[in-house]
N, C-alpha and C. Protein backbone atom coordinates (compact mmCIF):
# COMPACT_ATOMS: atom_id res chain seq x y z
N MET A 1 -17.85 -3.24 1.14
CA MET A 1 -16.54 -3.61 0.49
C MET A 1 -16.20 -2.52 -0.53
N LYS A 2 -15.10 -1.88 -0.59
CA LYS A 2 -14.70 -0.91 -1.46
C LYS A 2 -14.10 -1.45 -2.92
N MET A 3 -14.10 -0.73 -3.77
CA MET A 3 -13.48 -1.14 -5.09
C MET A 3 -12.01 -0.66 -5.14
N LEU A 4 -11.25 -1.48 -5.71
CA LEU A 4 -9.80 -1.03 -6.00
C LEU A 4 -9.62 -0.69 -7.48
N PHE A 5 -9.28 0.50 -7.79
CA PHE A 5 -8.90 0.90 -9.23
C PHE A 5 -7.45 0.81 -9.37
N VAL A 6 -7.15 -0.04 -10.38
CA VAL A 6 -5.84 -0.43 -10.78
C VAL A 6 -5.48 0.25 -11.92
N GLY A 7 -4.66 1.33 -11.89
CA GLY A 7 -4.26 2.19 -13.00
C GLY A 7 -2.84 1.74 -13.53
N ASN A 8 -2.54 2.43 -14.60
CA ASN A 8 -1.06 1.96 -15.16
C ASN A 8 0.05 2.36 -14.18
N ALA A 9 -0.15 3.37 -13.46
CA ALA A 9 0.89 3.80 -12.40
C ALA A 9 1.03 2.64 -11.49
N PHE A 10 -0.10 2.27 -10.99
CA PHE A 10 -0.04 1.11 -9.95
C PHE A 10 0.57 -0.10 -10.53
N LYS A 11 0.20 -0.43 -11.73
CA LYS A 11 0.97 -1.71 -12.38
C LYS A 11 2.38 -1.50 -12.55
N ARG A 12 2.83 -0.26 -12.94
CA ARG A 12 4.23 0.07 -13.13
C ARG A 12 4.92 -0.11 -11.81
N ASP A 13 4.35 0.50 -10.76
CA ASP A 13 4.95 0.34 -9.33
C ASP A 13 4.93 -1.07 -8.95
N MET A 14 4.04 -1.89 -9.14
CA MET A 14 4.13 -3.31 -8.72
C MET A 14 5.19 -4.01 -9.39
N LYS A 15 5.42 -3.68 -10.73
CA LYS A 15 6.37 -4.37 -11.55
C LYS A 15 7.65 -3.93 -10.90
N PHE A 16 7.98 -2.71 -10.71
CA PHE A 16 9.20 -2.15 -10.23
C PHE A 16 9.47 -2.83 -8.76
N ALA A 17 8.44 -3.01 -7.99
CA ALA A 17 8.62 -3.59 -6.65
C ALA A 17 9.11 -4.95 -6.84
N ALA A 18 8.47 -5.78 -7.64
CA ALA A 18 8.77 -7.06 -7.92
C ALA A 18 10.31 -7.23 -8.40
N LYS A 19 10.71 -6.37 -9.16
CA LYS A 19 12.03 -6.34 -9.69
C LYS A 19 13.15 -6.09 -8.53
N ARG A 20 12.67 -5.25 -7.49
CA ARG A 20 13.49 -4.95 -6.49
C ARG A 20 13.45 -6.09 -5.30
N GLY A 21 12.75 -7.05 -5.59
CA GLY A 21 12.71 -8.21 -4.63
C GLY A 21 11.68 -8.04 -3.56
N ARG A 22 10.71 -7.21 -3.64
CA ARG A 22 9.57 -6.99 -2.74
C ARG A 22 8.49 -8.21 -2.84
N SER A 23 8.04 -8.60 -1.76
CA SER A 23 6.95 -9.63 -1.79
C SER A 23 5.70 -9.03 -2.31
N ILE A 24 5.25 -9.49 -3.58
CA ILE A 24 4.02 -9.08 -4.20
C ILE A 24 2.83 -9.72 -3.30
N LYS A 25 3.07 -11.00 -2.87
CA LYS A 25 1.97 -11.60 -2.17
C LYS A 25 1.59 -10.65 -0.84
N LYS A 26 2.61 -10.32 -0.21
CA LYS A 26 2.39 -9.49 1.08
C LYS A 26 1.62 -8.13 0.76
N MET A 27 2.12 -7.62 -0.41
CA MET A 27 1.49 -6.21 -0.80
C MET A 27 0.04 -6.48 -1.15
N LEU A 28 -0.28 -7.50 -1.89
CA LEU A 28 -1.67 -7.69 -2.33
C LEU A 28 -2.44 -8.15 -1.05
N SER A 29 -1.89 -8.73 -0.13
CA SER A 29 -2.78 -8.98 1.09
C SER A 29 -3.01 -7.78 1.94
N LEU A 30 -2.00 -6.78 1.88
CA LEU A 30 -2.39 -5.44 2.45
C LEU A 30 -3.42 -4.74 1.80
N LEU A 31 -3.34 -4.92 0.49
CA LEU A 31 -4.44 -4.18 -0.47
C LEU A 31 -5.82 -4.86 -0.17
N ASP A 32 -5.81 -6.07 0.00
CA ASP A 32 -7.08 -6.88 0.43
C ASP A 32 -7.69 -6.44 1.76
N CYS A 33 -6.72 -6.19 2.67
CA CYS A 33 -7.21 -5.68 3.95
C CYS A 33 -7.82 -4.29 3.75
N LEU A 34 -7.24 -3.44 3.00
CA LEU A 34 -7.77 -2.08 2.78
C LEU A 34 -9.12 -2.12 2.04
N VAL A 35 -9.27 -3.10 1.02
CA VAL A 35 -10.59 -3.02 0.34
C VAL A 35 -11.65 -3.74 1.29
N ARG A 36 -11.36 -4.63 2.11
CA ARG A 36 -12.31 -5.38 2.89
C ARG A 36 -12.72 -4.46 4.14
N ASP A 37 -11.70 -4.11 4.91
CA ASP A 37 -11.90 -3.50 6.19
C ASP A 37 -11.72 -1.94 6.08
N GLY A 38 -10.74 -1.59 5.28
CA GLY A 38 -10.28 -0.14 5.40
C GLY A 38 -9.27 0.10 6.46
N ASP A 39 -8.86 -0.90 7.07
CA ASP A 39 -7.72 -0.67 8.14
C ASP A 39 -6.44 -1.61 7.67
N LEU A 40 -5.38 -1.02 8.08
CA LEU A 40 -4.14 -1.85 7.91
C LEU A 40 -3.66 -2.30 9.26
N PRO A 41 -2.94 -3.38 9.26
CA PRO A 41 -2.35 -3.98 10.55
C PRO A 41 -1.41 -2.89 11.22
N ALA A 42 -1.36 -2.90 12.56
CA ALA A 42 -0.41 -1.94 13.17
C ALA A 42 0.91 -2.13 12.86
N ARG A 43 1.41 -3.22 12.45
CA ARG A 43 2.79 -3.49 12.04
C ARG A 43 3.20 -2.57 10.80
N CYS A 44 2.29 -2.22 10.03
CA CYS A 44 2.48 -1.24 8.92
C CYS A 44 2.72 0.15 9.34
N ARG A 45 2.30 0.65 10.54
CA ARG A 45 2.39 1.96 10.94
C ARG A 45 1.81 2.97 10.10
N PRO A 46 0.63 2.87 9.63
CA PRO A 46 0.02 3.85 8.83
C PRO A 46 -0.09 5.16 9.44
N HIS A 47 0.23 6.35 8.68
CA HIS A 47 0.10 7.68 9.35
C HIS A 47 -0.23 8.67 8.27
N ARG A 48 -0.74 9.83 8.57
CA ARG A 48 -1.24 10.82 7.65
C ARG A 48 -0.02 11.68 7.39
N LEU A 49 0.05 12.12 6.18
CA LEU A 49 1.09 13.12 5.84
C LEU A 49 0.69 14.51 5.87
N SER A 50 1.64 15.47 5.98
CA SER A 50 1.26 16.84 6.11
C SER A 50 2.01 17.78 5.02
N GLY A 51 1.77 18.83 5.17
CA GLY A 51 2.29 19.84 4.03
C GLY A 51 1.65 19.63 2.74
N VAL A 52 2.46 19.55 1.68
CA VAL A 52 1.93 19.44 0.33
C VAL A 52 1.12 18.14 0.15
N TYR A 53 1.41 17.09 0.94
CA TYR A 53 0.89 15.85 0.92
C TYR A 53 -0.28 15.70 1.81
N ALA A 54 -0.80 16.69 2.39
CA ALA A 54 -1.92 16.65 3.50
C ALA A 54 -3.10 15.90 2.82
N GLY A 55 -3.75 14.96 3.67
CA GLY A 55 -4.78 14.25 3.17
C GLY A 55 -4.47 12.93 2.62
N LEU A 56 -3.17 12.62 2.44
CA LEU A 56 -2.65 11.36 1.90
C LEU A 56 -2.06 10.53 3.05
N TRP A 57 -1.94 9.20 2.95
CA TRP A 57 -1.45 8.35 3.97
C TRP A 57 -0.11 7.66 3.40
N ALA A 58 0.68 7.20 4.38
CA ALA A 58 1.94 6.51 4.10
C ALA A 58 2.14 5.36 5.02
N ILE A 59 2.90 4.51 4.65
CA ILE A 59 3.32 3.35 5.61
C ILE A 59 4.82 3.56 5.94
N SER A 60 5.12 3.51 7.30
CA SER A 60 6.44 3.87 7.62
C SER A 60 7.45 2.64 7.59
N ASN A 61 6.93 1.49 7.59
CA ASN A 61 7.83 0.24 7.68
C ASN A 61 7.86 -0.52 6.41
N PRO A 62 8.80 -0.25 5.55
CA PRO A 62 8.88 -0.90 4.28
C PRO A 62 9.21 -2.34 4.45
N THR A 63 9.75 -2.84 5.58
CA THR A 63 10.15 -4.22 5.76
C THR A 63 8.99 -5.03 5.97
N SER A 64 7.82 -4.44 6.13
CA SER A 64 6.55 -5.19 6.29
C SER A 64 6.19 -5.88 5.03
N PHE A 65 6.82 -5.35 3.92
CA PHE A 65 6.57 -6.07 2.62
C PHE A 65 7.48 -7.16 2.40
């Protein structure tokens, strides 16, 4: 099992997402999947980024939240 570091930027982003009407419960369940398994469900369509952001990952489907 991995550890999740929750910094101030993460807290700020979660607060902003809540204000925009995003489901915090769904986001936390995705984070739980990452912490336990390291894998996201296929519905999230995770993919690697390129260029300046090489080595980072993104989720293409914001409606999954």
